[in-house]
Amino acid sequence: MSDQTDDALQHVRETFATAAEEAEQLSESAKQDVEDAIDDLEARIEDLRNSN
């Protein structure tokens, strides 16, 4: 399950990165919000892994 989670998270990262690159109107603050959300998701996943 860990590999599936890692793969899914990588897919999310790549999808957001692609969207950010293609959307020229996307502001820097919006990009930062996306990066912060991904970082938060990674931290939550790590917490879940450590709690088991």
PDB file of N, CA and C in Angstrom:
ATOM      1  N   MET A   1       0.831  -1.199   0.000  1.00  0.00           N
ATOM      2  CA  MET A   1       0.000   0.000   0.000  1.00  0.00           C
ATOM      3  C   MET A   1       0.869   1.253   0.000  1.00  0.00           C
ATOM      4  N   SER A   2       2.017   1.151   0.598  1.00  0.00           N
ATOM      5  CA  SER A   2       2.919   2.286   0.638  1.00  0.00           C
ATOM      6  C   SER A   2       3.328   2.720  -0.764  1.00  0.00           C
ATOM      7  N   ASP A   3       3.646   1.753  -1.621  1.00  0.00           N
ATOM      8  CA  ASP A   3       4.023   2.083  -2.994  1.00  0.00           C
ATOM      9  C   ASP A   3       2.868   2.727  -3.739  1.00  0.00           C
ATOM     10  N   GLN A   4       1.660   2.238  -3.509  1.00  0.00           N
ATOM     11  CA  GLN A   4       0.486   2.826  -4.165  1.00  0.00           C
ATOM     12  C   GLN A   4       0.285   4.262  -3.702  1.00  0.00           C
ATOM     13  N   THR A   5       0.480   4.493  -2.410  1.00  0.00           N
ATOM     14  CA  THR A   5       0.342   5.846  -1.870  1.00  0.00           C
ATOM     15  C   THR A   5       1.400   6.761  -2.471  1.00  0.00           C
ATOM     16  N   ASP A   6       2.636   6.270  -2.528  1.00  0.00           N
ATOM     17  CA  ASP A   6       3.714   7.065  -3.116  1.00  0.00           C
ATOM     18  C   ASP A   6       3.429   7.373  -4.579  1.00  0.00           C
ATOM     19  N   ASP A   7       2.953   6.371  -5.318  1.00  0.00           N
ATOM     20  CA  ASP A   7       2.621   6.568  -6.731  1.00  0.00           C
ATOM     21  C   ASP A   7       1.503   7.587  -6.892  1.00  0.00           C
ATOM     22  N   ALA A   8       0.492   7.489  -6.051  1.00  0.00           N
ATOM     23  CA  ALA A   8      -0.636   8.422  -6.129  1.00  0.00           C
ATOM     24  C   ALA A   8      -0.181   9.840  -5.808  1.00  0.00           C
ATOM     25  N   LEU A   9       0.642   9.971  -4.788  1.00  0.00           N
ATOM     26  CA  LEU A   9       1.142  11.295  -4.413  1.00  0.00           C
ATOM     27  C   LEU A   9       2.008  11.879  -5.528  1.00  0.00           C
ATOM     28  N   GLN A  10       2.835  11.054  -6.135  1.00  0.00           N
ATOM     29  CA  GLN A  10       3.663  11.517  -7.251  1.00  0.00           C
ATOM     30  C   GLN A  10       2.787  11.968  -8.414  1.00  0.00           C
ATOM     31  N   HIS A  11       1.723  11.226  -8.669  1.00  0.00           N
ATOM     32  CA  HIS A  11       0.795  11.593  -9.742  1.00  0.00           C
ATOM     33  C   HIS A  11       0.151  12.949  -9.441  1.00  0.00           C
ATOM     34  N   VAL A  12      -0.242  13.156  -8.187  1.00  0.00           N
ATOM     35  CA  VAL A  12      -0.833  14.443  -7.793  1.00  0.00           C
ATOM     36  C   VAL A  12       0.178  15.566  -8.008  1.00  0.00           C
ATOM     37  N   ARG A  13       1.407  15.348  -7.576  1.00  0.00           N
ATOM     38  CA  ARG A  13       2.459  16.356  -7.756  1.00  0.00           C
ATOM     39  C   ARG A  13       2.634  16.706  -9.235  1.00  0.00           C
ATOM     40  N   GLU A  14       2.734  15.670 -10.069  1.00  0.00           N
ATOM     41  CA  GLU A  14       2.950  15.893 -11.500  1.00  0.00           C
ATOM     42  C   GLU A  14       1.766  16.613 -12.131  1.00  0.00           C
ATOM     43  N   THR A  15       0.565  16.244 -11.717  1.00  0.00           N
ATOM     44  CA  THR A  15      -0.633  16.876 -12.266  1.00  0.00           C
ATOM     45  C   THR A  15      -0.676  18.357 -11.907  1.00  0.00           C
ATOM     46  N   PHE A  16      -0.418  18.664 -10.628  1.00  0.00           N
ATOM     47  CA  PHE A  16      -0.414  20.062 -10.216  1.00  0.00           C
ATOM     48  C   PHE A  16       0.715  20.836 -10.895  1.00  0.00           C
ATOM     49  N   ALA A  17       1.873  20.233 -11.035  1.00  0.00           N
ATOM     50  CA  ALA A  17       2.996  20.906 -11.680  1.00  0.00           C
ATOM     51  C   ALA A  17       2.665  21.226 -13.133  1.00  0.00           C
ATOM     52  N   THR A  18       2.067  20.275 -13.811  1.00  0.00           N
ATOM     53  CA  THR A  18       1.677  20.487 -15.206  1.00  0.00           C
ATOM     54  C   THR A  18       0.643  21.594 -15.311  1.00  0.00           C
ATOM     55  N   ALA A  19      -0.341  21.556 -14.438  1.00  0.00           N
ATOM     56  CA  ALA A  19      -1.383  22.588 -14.459  1.00  0.00           C
ATOM     57  C   ALA A  19      -0.780  23.963 -14.190  1.00  0.00           C
ATOM     58  N   ALA A  20       0.137  24.030 -13.247  1.00  0.00           N
ATOM     59  CA  ALA A  20       0.762  25.311 -12.917  1.00  0.00           C
ATOM     60  C   ALA A  20       1.584  25.843 -14.086  1.00  0.00           C
ATOM     61  N   GLU A  21       2.286  24.949 -14.763  1.00  0.00           N
ATOM     62  CA  GLU A  21       3.097  25.375 -15.906  1.00  0.00           C
ATOM     63  C   GLU A  21       2.223  25.851 -17.063  1.00  0.00           C
ATOM     64  N   GLU A  22       1.123  25.168 -17.290  1.00  0.00           N
ATOM     65  CA  GLU A  22       0.269  25.492 -18.433  1.00  0.00           C
ATOM     66  C   GLU A  22      -0.618  26.705 -18.187  1.00  0.00           C
ATOM     67  N   ALA A  23      -0.908  26.983 -16.955  1.00  0.00           N
ATOM     68  CA  ALA A  23      -1.811  28.093 -16.641  1.00  0.00           C
ATOM     69  C   ALA A  23      -0.988  29.337 -16.332  1.00  0.00           C
ATOM     70  N   GLU A  24      -0.694  30.108 -17.344  1.00  0.00           N
ATOM     71  CA  GLU A  24       0.154  31.285 -17.161  1.00  0.00           C
ATOM     72  C   GLU A  24      -0.476  32.297 -16.220  1.00  0.00           C
ATOM     73  N   GLN A  25      -1.795  32.298 -16.130  1.00  0.00           N
ATOM     74  CA  GLN A  25      -2.470  33.254 -15.270  1.00  0.00           C
ATOM     75  C   GLN A  25      -2.443  32.841 -13.796  1.00  0.00           C
ATOM     76  N   LEU A  26      -1.955  31.637 -13.539  1.00  0.00           N
ATOM     77  CA  LEU A  26      -1.898  31.162 -12.157  1.00  0.00           C
ATOM     78  C   LEU A  26      -0.845  31.976 -11.404  1.00  0.00           C
ATOM     79  N   SER A  27      -1.265  32.642 -10.388  1.00  0.00           N
ATOM     80  CA  SER A  27      -0.363  33.525  -9.655  1.00  0.00           C
ATOM     81  C   SER A  27       0.612  32.736  -8.789  1.00  0.00           C
ATOM     82  N   GLU A  28       1.671  33.403  -8.395  1.00  0.00           N
ATOM     83  CA  GLU A  28       2.661  32.776  -7.519  1.00  0.00           C
ATOM     84  C   GLU A  28       2.031  32.341  -6.201  1.00  0.00           C
ATOM     85  N   SER A  29       1.100  33.127  -5.682  1.00  0.00           N
ATOM     86  CA  SER A  29       0.474  32.749  -4.414  1.00  0.00           C
ATOM     87  C   SER A  29      -0.360  31.487  -4.577  1.00  0.00           C
ATOM     88  N   ALA A  30      -1.003  31.325  -5.718  1.00  0.00           N
ATOM     89  CA  ALA A  30      -1.778  30.110  -5.960  1.00  0.00           C
ATOM     90  C   ALA A  30      -0.849  28.908  -6.076  1.00  0.00           C
ATOM     91  N   LYS A  31       0.284  29.085  -6.753  1.00  0.00           N
ATOM     92  CA  LYS A  31       1.263  28.003  -6.838  1.00  0.00           C
ATOM     93  C   LYS A  31       1.749  27.622  -5.445  1.00  0.00           C
ATOM     94  N   GLN A  32       2.001  28.623  -4.616  1.00  0.00           N
ATOM     95  CA  GLN A  32       2.464  28.359  -3.256  1.00  0.00           C
ATOM     96  C   GLN A  32       1.393  27.632  -2.457  1.00  0.00           C
ATOM     97  N   ASP A  33       0.135  28.011  -2.644  1.00  0.00           N
ATOM     98  CA  ASP A  33      -0.964  27.319  -1.962  1.00  0.00           C
ATOM     99  C   ASP A  33      -1.001  25.845  -2.346  1.00  0.00           C
ATOM    100  N   VAL A  34      -0.796  25.559  -3.624  1.00  0.00           N
ATOM    101  CA  VAL A  34      -0.785  24.167  -4.086  1.00  0.00           C
ATOM    102  C   VAL A  34       0.387  23.421  -3.455  1.00  0.00           C
ATOM    103  N   GLU A  35       1.565  24.032  -3.471  1.00  0.00           N
ATOM    104  CA  GLU A  35       2.733  23.393  -2.875  1.00  0.00           C
ATOM    105  C   GLU A  35       2.527  23.153  -1.384  1.00  0.00           C
ATOM    106  N   ASP A  36       1.935  24.117  -0.692  1.00  0.00           N
ATOM    107  CA  ASP A  36       1.660  23.959   0.735  1.00  0.00           C
ATOM    108  C   ASP A  36       0.681  22.820   0.983  1.00  0.00           C
ATOM    109  N   ALA A  37      -0.338  22.716   0.140  1.00  0.00           N
ATOM    110  CA  ALA A  37      -1.321  21.641   0.289  1.00  0.00           C
ATOM    111  C   ALA A  37      -0.668  20.281   0.074  1.00  0.00           C
ATOM    112  N   ILE A  38       0.214  20.187  -0.902  1.00  0.00           N
ATOM    113  CA  ILE A  38       0.912  18.924  -1.145  1.00  0.00           C
ATOM    114  C   ILE A  38       1.830  18.594   0.023  1.00  0.00           C
ATOM    115  N   ASP A  39       2.539  19.582   0.538  1.00  0.00           N
ATOM    116  CA  ASP A  39       3.404  19.358   1.696  1.00  0.00           C
ATOM    117  C   ASP A  39       2.592  18.878   2.892  1.00  0.00           C
ATOM    118  N   ASP A  40       1.422  19.477   3.099  1.00  0.00           N
ATOM    119  CA  ASP A  40       0.543  19.068   4.191  1.00  0.00           C
ATOM    120  C   ASP A  40       0.087  17.625   3.998  1.00  0.00           C
ATOM    121  N   LEU A  41      -0.272  17.280   2.774  1.00  0.00           N
ATOM    122  CA  LEU A  41      -0.694  15.917   2.475  1.00  0.00           C
ATOM    123  C   LEU A  41       0.435  14.930   2.748  1.00  0.00           C
ATOM    124  N   GLU A  42       1.645  15.279   2.330  1.00  0.00           N
ATOM    125  CA  GLU A  42       2.791  14.405   2.584  1.00  0.00           C
ATOM    126  C   GLU A  42       3.013  14.219   4.082  1.00  0.00           C
ATOM    127  N   ALA A  43       2.893  15.281   4.849  1.00  0.00           N
ATOM    128  CA  ALA A  43       3.082  15.199   6.298  1.00  0.00           C
ATOM    129  C   ALA A  43       2.019  14.318   6.938  1.00  0.00           C
ATOM    130  N   ARG A  44       0.791  14.439   6.492  1.00  0.00           N
ATOM    131  CA  ARG A  44      -0.284  13.607   7.032  1.00  0.00           C
ATOM    132  C   ARG A  44      -0.061  12.139   6.710  1.00  0.00           C
ATOM    133  N   ILE A  45       0.384  11.865   5.486  1.00  0.00           N
ATOM    134  CA  ILE A  45       0.671  10.483   5.103  1.00  0.00           C
ATOM    135  C   ILE A  45       1.792   9.925   5.970  1.00  0.00           C
ATOM    136  N   GLU A  46       2.828  10.715   6.188  1.00  0.00           N
ATOM    137  CA  GLU A  46       3.944  10.273   7.023  1.00  0.00           C
ATOM    138  C   GLU A  46       3.479  10.014   8.455  1.00  0.00           C
ATOM    139  N   ASP A  47       2.621  10.876   8.985  1.00  0.00           N
ATOM    140  CA  ASP A  47       2.071  10.666  10.325  1.00  0.00           C
ATOM    141  C   ASP A  47       1.291   9.362  10.397  1.00  0.00           C
ATOM    142  N   LEU A  48       0.499   9.092   9.372  1.00  0.00           N
ATOM    143  CA  LEU A  48      -0.266   7.847   9.338  1.00  0.00           C
ATOM    144  C   LEU A  48       0.658   6.639   9.277  1.00  0.00           C
ATOM    145  N   ARG A  49       1.694   6.738   8.492  1.00  0.00           N
ATOM    146  CA  ARG A  49       2.658   5.627   8.400  1.00  0.00           C
ATOM    147  C   ARG A  49       3.321   5.383   9.745  1.00  0.00           C
ATOM    148  N   ASN A  50       3.669   6.449  10.437  1.00  0.00           N
ATOM    149  CA  ASN A  50       4.363   6.322  11.714  1.00  0.00           C
ATOM    150  C   ASN A  50       3.453   5.849  12.836  1.00  0.00           C
ATOM    151  N   SER A  51       2.153   6.023  12.682  1.00  0.00           N
ATOM    152  CA  SER A  51       1.227   5.627  13.746  1.00  0.00           C
ATOM    153  C   SER A  51       0.905   4.141  13.699  1.00  0.00           C
ATOM    154  N   ASN A  52       1.278   3.474  12.627  1.00  0.00           N
ATOM    155  CA  ASN A  52       0.985   2.038  12.497  1.00  0.00           C
ATOM    156  C   ASN A  52       2.121   1.182  12.937  1.00  0.00           C
TER     157      ASN A  52
END
